[in-house]
Amino acid sequence: MESTTIEQQAYSLYQTNLNYFKNNFPELYEKLNLLDVAIQLGQYKENLALEYNNNYFDLRDEQSKEWLYGENSLDYSNHLVNLIDKKKTGGVFEAQRYVDYSPEMPDVIDKSELHFHNALWASIKIIDYVKTHAPKNNSSMKNVYKSIFIGTGLGFHIDTIVNHLSSKVVFIYENNLELFRCSLFCCNYEQLSKKAFLFFSIMDAPRELEKHFIEFLEKGNNYNLYMKYIPFTKKYDSVLQHLQTINLMQTHISYPYSAFLLRYSNNPQYIAKNGAFIKINQRYSNNILSSKPILLVFSGPSTAKNLEWLKNNADHFIVITALSTCRLLYKNNIKPDIIMHQDPGESTTLSLFEGIDPVFFENIILIASSNVYNKVIDKFDFSKIYFIQQESNYKYDFGNFGSLTAGEYTYGITLLFGATEIYLLGIDLALDAQTYQTHSHGHSFLEHIDQTDNAQIDKNILYVKGNFQENVPTLPIYHTAIQEFARFSQSLKTSSQNVFNLSDGAFLEGSIPKQSKDINQSNLPILHKKQLHCDLVNFLDSISSREFRVEDKQTIKHQLLLAKNLLKIIKKYEKSSFLASDPYLDSLAKLSYILSDRENKTGSYLSEVYYYYFKVILSYIYDLFNTEELTQIPKHIKSIHTLLIHQLNKIALHFISSLEIYLNKK
């Protein structure tokens, strides 16, 4: 075929692809169009030259003079295709947390009491069944429904691999816009889109990449257990690590269904005990917290480095801290004015009191989320405890507030209280740049992160903008908290509120970097703590309610009614029977849609629990029936059906019985 004809076809394909992106991905089209215009105007010199020689296309780097393929690009692409299989090992991206357990644990966990960290409470039996009958190391997928391409090259391999794997949802990543532009001459993306849903991340900033990859994960998420990733070159580790970090940021992974169930089951407990609940759905001003400087002290590595300054100057501030920081403060004779606590964990939370004289907590105000462990509450004077609803509204018209970690949680609440001068110490949300430790010495959860160990995805080290340094190391959970802090700054902080970050950790949006030594203490008089304490109690009393009101009881009754309706749906579905996997999986998808209230018609808290539960459990069930080696399908359908119904009932009955207890209390 004549070279001119090939060039004409390539240019025609390029125009077809441009129109496709213009109509379907306008932001990506705009990037491509700007590059085109810059090339035409001579404002951008192309670094890559697309050439057709010896019956194949290749790209030459104009600076190094090296070829992208260096061989027949079609042969190279076919070779790449031959390396891809449908096994559940090798080039597999797993979008659920790794689960490891001993043989006796499924029965033990299934019969155990629900607690905050028991994410396998209603899933272990199904996971174990799937692992037994479709073992990862000895089975293959019938179809690889979702695939991830890291690097496009000229795109010849993409269509062939999508056909080979039978992928229906495809994520395409390329950080070189010019290279991707060249692929438009060779790969028919419009035609590809007729076979699969396409998601693109092309020269994206980090937040754009997160947005696009989360959208990909959401599409067809029942097939997220095993996906194949296909790197075009060997330099892909950092991209893959970033994608895994984004995956871990998903709510159903970072905060599992069991935590939601515990939250919604336990949240009314202190309302029923006439605890003081803060009305948090409004902003406050002209109060004791808005008229004094506030120091938020937490357990990041920076607190230990500023300990002498803290000991000498704590009396100049209203000191607000987390329960987890109290041991450090106690050892250094620093008494906070307010303690914030939102962790509902049991044994882990009680360990925070070890080594601290109970007298230390006398007269300290505790502001706690509504689902904290009751034995934590017992450590404080109940009259000086104030609760904030955690993501529920059982206390009618009082609002709710929650966040991932204690630092940004306290920051957001302090903003709502109207504080105008806030200093941050120990909200590093980063590792120590020299030692890679997570917290100050003596903290219960102190870890030293191994930079060379990539086995634990949630311990993968990322680098973010630093407060005093250009970049600092951080972890996925801290990265999420940094974003949450930024969200609070954007949505809650006003122009009259000044926030100073004293920590040598991550840069926190909305805050001003400031070294502790640069604070002018002459502008900060010593506070008379006894009077301060009275003023704080008076303020918090004025914005709280201790009454278990009729409208609160009605809210609980309404959630009970919704939950019992869901239980009826489960009971009806229990009678269903299936002989083939496709109708069974279709029925599960419909059941999930109804129980999860995907159209948000009811506002059921139990539906939200089911929403996050199905995000995990359906990926295992779908994987079981997508296993090539699986036989006796009707038998497995019956077994899984029985297991699932039992777990769905267990979740509903736990929720219902918990709420009924609160209503029956005198």
Foldseek 3Di string as FASTA:
>chain_A
DDPVVLQVLLVVLLVLVLVVCVVPPVVLSVVVVVVVVCVVVVVDDDQWDWDADPHAIWIAGNPVRDIPVNDRPLVVLVVLLVVDDQALDDQKDFLADDDDDDPVPLVVLCPDDQDQPSQCNQPSVLLVVLCVQAPRVPFGFLAQQEEEEAAQQLPSNVLVNCVVRQHAFYEYEEQDSSRVSNSSSPDNVVVSCVSHPYFYDYNHDLVVVLVRLVVSCVVVVLQRRIHGYRYPDPPCVVVSLSSNLSSCLDCCNLRNLSNLLLQLLQLCVQLLVLFKEFLLPAFAADALQAVAEEEEAEWAAQCVVCVVVCLVCVLLHQYEYELLCVQVCQVSVHAHQEYEEEDQGDPLSVVSCPPHDLVSQELHAYEYERRHHVVVVVSHDRLRYYYFYDPDQLVPNSDHADDSDDQLRVVLSSLRHNHAHYEYGRLQLAADQPQRWGGHPPGPPIDGQDQPDPPRSQSHWDWAQWLPDRITIHGSSSVSVLVVQQVSLVPRHDPRHAYEYQGGHHDHPNYHDDHSVPDDCVVRDRDDSVVSSVSVSVVRSVRITSHSDPSSLVSLVLLLVVLVVLLVVLVVCLPDADQDDVVLLVVVVVNLCVLLVVVPPRVHSSSVSSVSVCSPNSSSVVRSNSIPPRPPVRVVSNVSSVSNSVSSVVSSVSSNVSSVVSVPDD
